[in-house]
């Protein structure tokens, strides 16, 4: 992400400069960055829709993985 911000910095600078010229009396913090914009979009469009589903699904995956590991260990002890 740091590298992406560095590569896209000229675009962010143009947007920040244009904002400063258009709205000189308004606060300039935090400055615009494409990484922040992408993150905000991901949170609003993806994460917020999945945040209630992910913990349950993750718990199920961990439980299944634990069950498989326990079964493997039991088989190793038997042999």
PDB file of N, CA and C in Angstrom:
ATOM      1  N   UNK A   1       0.819  -1.192   0.000  1.00  0.00           N
ATOM      2  CA  UNK A   1       0.000   0.000   0.000  1.00  0.00           C
ATOM      3  C   UNK A   1       0.864   1.256   0.000  1.00  0.00           C
ATOM      4  N   UNK A   2       1.967   1.196   0.704  1.00  0.00           N
ATOM      5  CA  UNK A   2       2.867   2.341   0.731  1.00  0.00           C
ATOM      6  C   UNK A   2       3.413   2.608  -0.658  1.00  0.00           C
ATOM      7  N   UNK A   3       3.792   1.544  -1.348  1.00  0.00           N
ATOM      8  CA  UNK A   3       4.317   1.688  -2.715  1.00  0.00           C
ATOM      9  C   UNK A   3       3.233   2.234  -3.643  1.00  0.00           C
ATOM     10  N   UNK A   4       1.999   1.756  -3.487  1.00  0.00           N
ATOM     11  CA  UNK A   4       0.893   2.254  -4.299  1.00  0.00           C
ATOM     12  C   UNK A   4       0.683   3.739  -4.059  1.00  0.00           C
ATOM     13  N   UNK A   5       0.717   4.157  -2.803  1.00  0.00           N
ATOM     14  CA  UNK A   5       0.589   5.575  -2.489  1.00  0.00           C
ATOM     15  C   UNK A   5       1.721   6.392  -3.116  1.00  0.00           C
ATOM     16  N   UNK A   6       2.933   5.839  -3.098  1.00  0.00           N
ATOM     17  CA  UNK A   6       4.078   6.552  -3.669  1.00  0.00           C
ATOM     18  C   UNK A   6       3.912   6.709  -5.179  1.00  0.00           C
ATOM     19  N   UNK A   7       3.470   5.657  -5.841  1.00  0.00           N
ATOM     20  CA  UNK A   7       3.310   5.700  -7.299  1.00  0.00           C
ATOM     21  C   UNK A   7       2.177   6.646  -7.700  1.00  0.00           C
ATOM     22  N   UNK A   8       1.099   6.646  -6.925  1.00  0.00           N
ATOM     23  CA  UNK A   8      -0.067   7.464  -7.261  1.00  0.00           C
ATOM     24  C   UNK A   8      -0.032   8.856  -6.632  1.00  0.00           C
ATOM     25  N   UNK A   9       1.066   9.179  -5.949  1.00  0.00           N
ATOM     26  CA  UNK A   9       1.201  10.460  -5.282  1.00  0.00           C
ATOM     27  C   UNK A   9       0.934  11.657  -6.203  1.00  0.00           C
ATOM     28  N   UNK A  10       1.413  11.674  -7.461  1.00  0.00           N
ATOM     29  CA  UNK A  10       1.150  12.851  -8.308  1.00  0.00           C
ATOM     30  C   UNK A  10      -0.346  13.130  -8.500  1.00  0.00           C
ATOM     31  N   UNK A  11      -1.150  12.082  -8.596  1.00  0.00           N
ATOM     32  CA  UNK A  11      -2.597  12.281  -8.754  1.00  0.00           C
ATOM     33  C   UNK A  11      -3.173  12.863  -7.465  1.00  0.00           C
ATOM     34  N   UNK A  12      -2.772  12.310  -6.352  1.00  0.00           N
ATOM     35  CA  UNK A  12      -3.252  12.823  -5.064  1.00  0.00           C
ATOM     36  C   UNK A  12      -2.844  14.275  -4.873  1.00  0.00           C
ATOM     37  N   UNK A  13      -1.620  14.619  -5.270  1.00  0.00           N
ATOM     38  CA  UNK A  13      -1.143  15.998  -5.135  1.00  0.00           C
ATOM     39  C   UNK A  13      -1.986  16.944  -5.980  1.00  0.00           C
ATOM     40  N   UNK A  14      -2.316  16.540  -7.207  1.00  0.00           N
ATOM     41  CA  UNK A  14      -3.163  17.379  -8.063  1.00  0.00           C
ATOM     42  C   UNK A  14      -4.526  17.614  -7.409  1.00  0.00           C
ATOM     43  N   UNK A  15      -5.115  16.568  -6.862  1.00  0.00           N
ATOM     44  CA  UNK A  15      -6.427  16.705  -6.214  1.00  0.00           C
ATOM     45  C   UNK A  15      -6.326  17.604  -4.987  1.00  0.00           C
ATOM     46  N   UNK A  16      -5.293  17.405  -4.170  1.00  0.00           N
ATOM     47  CA  UNK A  16      -5.120  18.243  -2.975  1.00  0.00           C
ATOM     48  C   UNK A  16      -4.861  19.696  -3.335  1.00  0.00           C
ATOM     49  N   UNK A  17      -4.047  19.934  -4.355  1.00  0.00           N
ATOM     50  CA  UNK A  17      -3.778  21.319  -4.787  1.00  0.00           C
ATOM     51  C   UNK A  17      -5.048  21.988  -5.308  1.00  0.00           C
ATOM     52  N   UNK A  18      -5.831  21.248  -6.096  1.00  0.00           N
ATOM     53  CA  UNK A  18      -7.081  21.804  -6.624  1.00  0.00           C
ATOM     54  C   UNK A  18      -8.044  22.126  -5.484  1.00  0.00           C
ATOM     55  N   UNK A  19      -8.116  21.241  -4.485  1.00  0.00           N
ATOM     56  CA  UNK A  19      -8.993  21.471  -3.334  1.00  0.00           C
ATOM     57  C   UNK A  19      -8.551  22.717  -2.565  1.00  0.00           C
ATOM     58  N   UNK A  20      -7.249  22.851  -2.346  1.00  0.00           N
ATOM     59  CA  UNK A  20      -6.738  24.019  -1.619  1.00  0.00           C
ATOM     60  C   UNK A  20      -7.048  25.313  -2.349  1.00  0.00           C
ATOM     61  N   UNK A  21      -6.981  25.301  -3.675  1.00  0.00           N
ATOM     62  CA  UNK A  21      -7.289  26.504  -4.451  1.00  0.00           C
ATOM     63  C   UNK A  21      -8.785  26.788  -4.455  1.00  0.00           C
ATOM     64  N   UNK A  22      -9.597  25.751  -4.547  1.00  0.00           N
ATOM     65  CA  UNK A  22     -11.046  25.942  -4.606  1.00  0.00           C
ATOM     66  C   UNK A  22     -11.633  26.312  -3.249  1.00  0.00           C
ATOM     67  N   UNK A  23     -11.056  25.781  -2.164  1.00  0.00           N
ATOM     68  CA  UNK A  23     -11.590  26.002  -0.823  1.00  0.00           C
ATOM     69  C   UNK A  23     -10.479  26.416   0.140  1.00  0.00           C
ATOM     70  N   UNK A  24      -9.924  27.616  -0.050  1.00  0.00           N
ATOM     71  CA  UNK A  24      -8.759  28.013   0.744  1.00  0.00           C
ATOM     72  C   UNK A  24      -9.040  28.177   2.236  1.00  0.00           C
ATOM     73  N   UNK A  25     -10.273  28.414   2.630  1.00  0.00           N
ATOM     74  CA  UNK A  25     -10.572  28.650   4.042  1.00  0.00           C
ATOM     75  C   UNK A  25     -11.061  27.406   4.786  1.00  0.00           C
ATOM     76  N   UNK A  26     -11.129  26.278   4.101  1.00  0.00           N
ATOM     77  CA  UNK A  26     -11.592  25.051   4.743  1.00  0.00           C
ATOM     78  C   UNK A  26     -10.399  24.216   5.209  1.00  0.00           C
ATOM     79  N   UNK A  27     -10.616  23.376   6.213  1.00  0.00           N
ATOM     80  CA  UNK A  27      -9.523  22.517   6.703  1.00  0.00           C
ATOM     81  C   UNK A  27      -8.995  21.594   5.597  1.00  0.00           C
ATOM     82  N   UNK A  28      -7.729  21.320   5.652  1.00  0.00           N
ATOM     83  CA  UNK A  28      -7.088  20.487   4.638  1.00  0.00           C
ATOM     84  C   UNK A  28      -6.613  19.154   5.217  1.00  0.00           C
ATOM     85  N   UNK A  29      -7.245  18.724   6.329  1.00  0.00           N
ATOM     86  CA  UNK A  29      -6.780  17.501   6.974  1.00  0.00           C
ATOM     87  C   UNK A  29      -7.951  16.551   7.155  1.00  0.00           C
ATOM     88  N   UNK A  30      -7.795  15.289   6.873  1.00  0.00           N
ATOM     89  CA  UNK A  30      -6.614  14.672   6.270  1.00  0.00           C
ATOM     90  C   UNK A  30      -6.607  14.924   4.774  1.00  0.00           C
ATOM     91  N   UNK A  31      -5.433  14.960   4.234  1.00  0.00           N
ATOM     92  CA  UNK A  31      -5.297  15.181   2.799  1.00  0.00           C
ATOM     93  C   UNK A  31      -5.804  13.953   2.051  1.00  0.00           C
ATOM     94  N   UNK A  32      -6.229  14.176   0.825  1.00  0.00           N
ATOM     95  CA  UNK A  32      -6.727  13.105  -0.026  1.00  0.00           C
ATOM     96  C   UNK A  32      -5.597  12.156  -0.403  1.00  0.00           C
ATOM     97  N   UNK A  33      -5.896  10.866  -0.380  1.00  0.00           N
ATOM     98  CA  UNK A  33      -4.974   9.878  -0.950  1.00  0.00           C
ATOM     99  C   UNK A  33      -5.810   8.784  -1.589  1.00  0.00           C
ATOM    100  N   UNK A  34      -5.320   8.234  -2.674  1.00  0.00           N
ATOM    101  CA  UNK A  34      -6.046   7.186  -3.374  1.00  0.00           C
ATOM    102  C   UNK A  34      -6.154   5.929  -2.516  1.00  0.00           C
ATOM    103  N   UNK A  35      -5.129   5.649  -1.730  1.00  0.00           N
ATOM    104  CA  UNK A  35      -5.181   4.484  -0.856  1.00  0.00           C
ATOM    105  C   UNK A  35      -6.308   4.632   0.161  1.00  0.00           C
ATOM    106  N   UNK A  36      -6.440   5.802   0.760  1.00  0.00           N
ATOM    107  CA  UNK A  36      -7.514   6.048   1.721  1.00  0.00           C
ATOM    108  C   UNK A  36      -8.870   5.927   1.026  1.00  0.00           C
ATOM    109  N   UNK A  37      -8.964   6.431  -0.189  1.00  0.00           N
ATOM    110  CA  UNK A  37     -10.221   6.342  -0.936  1.00  0.00           C
ATOM    111  C   UNK A  37     -10.585   4.897  -1.256  1.00  0.00           C
ATOM    112  N   UNK A  38      -9.601   4.119  -1.681  1.00  0.00           N
ATOM    113  CA  UNK A  38      -9.841   2.703  -1.983  1.00  0.00           C
ATOM    114  C   UNK A  38     -10.263   1.958  -0.713  1.00  0.00           C
ATOM    115  N   UNK A  39      -9.600   2.255   0.389  1.00  0.00           N
ATOM    116  CA  UNK A  39      -9.937   1.610   1.658  1.00  0.00           C
ATOM    117  C   UNK A  39     -11.356   1.970   2.086  1.00  0.00           C
ATOM    118  N   UNK A  40     -11.714   3.236   1.968  1.00  0.00           N
ATOM    119  CA  UNK A  40     -13.061   3.682   2.328  1.00  0.00           C
ATOM    120  C   UNK A  40     -14.103   2.981   1.469  1.00  0.00           C
ATOM    121  N   UNK A  41     -13.853   2.891   0.168  1.00  0.00           N
ATOM    122  CA  UNK A  41     -14.778   2.192  -0.721  1.00  0.00           C
ATOM    123  C   UNK A  41     -14.900   0.717  -0.346  1.00  0.00           C
ATOM    124  N   UNK A  42     -13.776   0.073  -0.044  1.00  0.00           N
ATOM    125  CA  UNK A  42     -13.805  -1.342   0.327  1.00  0.00           C
ATOM    126  C   UNK A  42     -14.620  -1.553   1.603  1.00  0.00           C
ATOM    127  N   UNK A  43     -14.432  -0.665   2.575  1.00  0.00           N
ATOM    128  CA  UNK A  43     -15.180  -0.790   3.829  1.00  0.00           C
ATOM    129  C   UNK A  43     -16.677  -0.630   3.584  1.00  0.00           C
ATOM    130  N   UNK A  44     -17.063   0.388   2.814  1.00  0.00           N
ATOM    131  CA  UNK A  44     -18.492   0.648   2.619  1.00  0.00           C
ATOM    132  C   UNK A  44     -19.148  -0.356   1.675  1.00  0.00           C
ATOM    133  N   UNK A  45     -18.465  -0.784   0.653  1.00  0.00           N
ATOM    134  CA  UNK A  45     -19.069  -1.667  -0.347  1.00  0.00           C
ATOM    135  C   UNK A  45     -18.904  -3.149  -0.046  1.00  0.00           C
ATOM    136  N   UNK A  46     -17.851  -3.535   0.655  1.00  0.00           N
ATOM    137  CA  UNK A  46     -17.587  -4.952   0.881  1.00  0.00           C
ATOM    138  C   UNK A  46     -17.683  -5.321   2.347  1.00  0.00           C
ATOM    139  N   UNK A  47     -16.832  -4.742   3.166  1.00  0.00           N
ATOM    140  CA  UNK A  47     -16.752  -5.125   4.577  1.00  0.00           C
ATOM    141  C   UNK A  47     -18.087  -4.961   5.296  1.00  0.00           C
ATOM    142  N   UNK A  48     -18.743  -3.830   5.141  1.00  0.00           N
ATOM    143  CA  UNK A  48     -19.993  -3.592   5.859  1.00  0.00           C
ATOM    144  C   UNK A  48     -21.070  -4.610   5.492  1.00  0.00           C
ATOM    145  N   UNK A  49     -21.018  -5.146   4.283  1.00  0.00           N
ATOM    146  CA  UNK A  49     -21.994  -6.157   3.874  1.00  0.00           C
ATOM    147  C   UNK A  49     -21.656  -7.532   4.436  1.00  0.00           C
ATOM    148  N   UNK A  50     -20.386  -7.768   4.743  1.00  0.00           N
ATOM    149  CA  UNK A  50     -19.955  -9.088   5.195  1.00  0.00           C
ATOM    150  C   UNK A  50     -19.622  -9.172   6.680  1.00  0.00           C
ATOM    151  N   UNK A  51     -19.576  -8.052   7.369  1.00  0.00           N
ATOM    152  CA  UNK A  51     -19.076  -8.048   8.747  1.00  0.00           C
ATOM    153  C   UNK A  51     -19.887  -8.925   9.692  1.00  0.00           C
ATOM    154  N   UNK A  52     -21.170  -9.133   9.415  1.00  0.00           N
ATOM    155  CA  UNK A  52     -21.974  -9.990  10.273  1.00  0.00           C
ATOM    156  C   UNK A  52     -21.818 -11.467   9.915  1.00  0.00           C
ATOM    157  N   UNK A  53     -21.410 -11.752   8.689  1.00  0.00           N
ATOM    158  CA  UNK A  53     -21.286 -13.131   8.215  1.00  0.00           C
ATOM    159  C   UNK A  53     -19.894 -13.699   8.487  1.00  0.00           C
ATOM    160  N   UNK A  54     -18.874 -12.877   8.355  1.00  0.00           N
ATOM    161  CA  UNK A  54     -17.490 -13.347   8.436  1.00  0.00           C
ATOM    162  C   UNK A  54     -17.145 -14.004   9.773  1.00  0.00           C
ATOM    163  N   UNK A  55     -17.474 -13.422  10.924  1.00  0.00           N
ATOM    164  CA  UNK A  55     -17.088 -14.085  12.176  1.00  0.00           C
ATOM    165  C   UNK A  55     -17.662 -15.496  12.309  1.00  0.00           C
ATOM    166  N   UNK A  56     -18.925 -15.686  11.944  1.00  0.00           N
ATOM    167  CA  UNK A  56     -19.522 -17.019  12.016  1.00  0.00           C
ATOM    168  C   UNK A  56     -18.860 -17.989  11.060  1.00  0.00           C
ATOM    169  N   UNK A  57     -18.619 -17.541   9.836  1.00  0.00           N
ATOM    170  CA  UNK A  57     -17.972 -18.403   8.845  1.00  0.00           C
ATOM    171  C   UNK A  57     -16.550 -18.732   9.271  1.00  0.00           C
ATOM    172  N   UNK A  58     -15.848 -17.761   9.809  1.00  0.00           N
ATOM    173  CA  UNK A  58     -14.479 -17.994  10.277  1.00  0.00           C
ATOM    174  C   UNK A  58     -14.475 -18.979  11.441  1.00  0.00           C
ATOM    175  N   UNK A  59     -15.429 -18.828  12.341  1.00  0.00           N
ATOM    176  CA  UNK A  59     -15.541 -19.759  13.462  1.00  0.00           C
ATOM    177  C   UNK A  59     -15.791 -21.186  12.983  1.00  0.00           C
ATOM    178  N   UNK A  60     -16.648 -21.332  11.991  1.00  0.00           N
ATOM    179  CA  UNK A  60     -16.925 -22.659  11.430  1.00  0.00           C
ATOM    180  C   UNK A  60     -15.678 -23.256  10.793  1.00  0.00           C
ATOM    181  N   UNK A  61     -14.940 -22.442  10.043  1.00  0.00           N
ATOM    182  CA  UNK A  61     -13.710 -22.932   9.411  1.00  0.00           C
ATOM    183  C   UNK A  61     -12.681 -23.359  10.455  1.00  0.00           C
ATOM    184  N   UNK A  62     -12.532 -22.571  11.501  1.00  0.00           N
ATOM    185  CA  UNK A  62     -11.588 -22.924  12.558  1.00  0.00           C
ATOM    186  C   UNK A  62     -12.017 -24.210  13.262  1.00  0.00           C
ATOM    187  N   UNK A  63     -13.307 -24.342  13.510  1.00  0.00           N
ATOM    188  CA  UNK A  63     -13.814 -25.541  14.169  1.00  0.00           C
ATOM    189  C   UNK A  63     -13.560 -26.774  13.291  1.00  0.00           C
ATOM    190  N   UNK A  64     -13.870 -26.677  11.998  1.00  0.00           N
ATOM    191  CA  UNK A  64     -13.639 -27.797  11.085  1.00  0.00           C
ATOM    192  C   UNK A  64     -12.156 -28.151  11.020  1.00  0.00           C
ATOM    193  N   UNK A  65     -11.302 -27.129  10.941  1.00  0.00           N
ATOM    194  CA  UNK A  65      -9.859 -27.368  10.917  1.00  0.00           C
ATOM    195  C   UNK A  65      -9.395 -28.041  12.189  1.00  0.00           C
ATOM    196  N   UNK A  66      -9.932 -27.623  13.308  1.00  0.00           N
ATOM    197  CA  UNK A  66      -9.575 -28.228  14.593  1.00  0.00           C
ATOM    198  C   UNK A  66     -10.015 -29.690  14.628  1.00  0.00           C
ATOM    199  N   UNK A  67     -11.230 -29.962  14.155  1.00  0.00           N
ATOM    200  CA  UNK A  67     -11.730 -31.335  14.133  1.00  0.00           C
ATOM    201  C   UNK A  67     -10.844 -32.223  13.257  1.00  0.00           C
ATOM    202  N   UNK A  68     -10.463 -31.720  12.088  1.00  0.00           N
ATOM    203  CA  UNK A  68      -9.597 -32.492  11.186  1.00  0.00           C
ATOM    204  C   UNK A  68      -8.238 -32.746  11.824  1.00  0.00           C
ATOM    205  N   UNK A  69      -7.681 -31.751  12.474  1.00  0.00           N
ATOM    206  CA  UNK A  69      -6.392 -31.905  13.144  1.00  0.00           C
ATOM    207  C   UNK A  69      -6.485 -32.943  14.260  1.00  0.00           C
ATOM    208  N   UNK A  70      -7.549 -32.881  15.045  1.00  0.00           N
ATOM    209  CA  UNK A  70      -7.727 -33.848  16.129  1.00  0.00           C
ATOM    210  C   UNK A  70      -7.857 -35.260  15.583  1.00  0.00           C
ATOM    211  N   UNK A  71      -8.574 -35.423  14.484  1.00  0.00           N
ATOM    212  CA  UNK A  71      -8.724 -36.746  13.872  1.00  0.00           C
ATOM    213  C   UNK A  71      -7.386 -37.262  13.362  1.00  0.00           C
ATOM    214  N   UNK A  72      -6.608 -36.406  12.749  1.00  0.00           N
ATOM    215  CA  UNK A  72      -5.274 -36.783  12.266  1.00  0.00           C
ATOM    216  C   UNK A  72      -4.392 -37.201  13.418  1.00  0.00           C
ATOM    217  N   UNK A  73      -4.404 -36.456  14.508  1.00  0.00           N
ATOM    218  CA  UNK A  73      -3.595 -36.790  15.671  1.00  0.00           C
ATOM    219  C   UNK A  73      -4.031 -38.120  16.283  1.00  0.00           C
ATOM    220  N   UNK A  74      -5.340 -38.361  16.336  1.00  0.00           N
ATOM    221  CA  UNK A  74      -5.837 -39.632  16.867  1.00  0.00           C
ATOM    222  C   UNK A  74      -5.340 -40.806  16.016  1.00  0.00           C
ATOM    223  N   UNK A  75      -5.363 -40.622  14.692  1.00  0.00           N
ATOM    224  CA  UNK A  75      -4.910 -41.689  13.796  1.00  0.00           C
ATOM    225  C   UNK A  75      -3.418 -41.936  13.966  1.00  0.00           C
ATOM    226  N   UNK A  76      -2.659 -40.889  14.173  1.00  0.00           N
ATOM    227  CA  UNK A  76      -1.204 -41.040  14.368  1.00  0.00           C
ATOM    228  C   UNK A  76      -0.918 -41.767  15.677  1.00  0.00           C
ATOM    229  N   UNK A  77      -1.701 -41.509  16.701  1.00  0.00           N
ATOM    230  CA  UNK A  77      -1.491 -42.162  17.996  1.00  0.00           C
ATOM    231  C   UNK A  77      -1.835 -43.651  17.885  1.00  0.00           C
ATOM    232  N   UNK A  78      -2.845 -43.991  17.095  1.00  0.00           N
ATOM    233  CA  UNK A  78      -3.266 -45.380  16.927  1.00  0.00           C
ATOM    234  C   UNK A  78      -2.238 -46.210  16.187  1.00  0.00           C
ATOM    235  N   UNK A  79      -1.450 -45.590  15.310  1.00  0.00           N
ATOM    236  CA  UNK A  79      -0.479 -46.359  14.507  1.00  0.00           C
ATOM    237  C   UNK A  79       0.878 -46.390  15.120  1.00  0.00           C
TER     238      UNK A  79
END
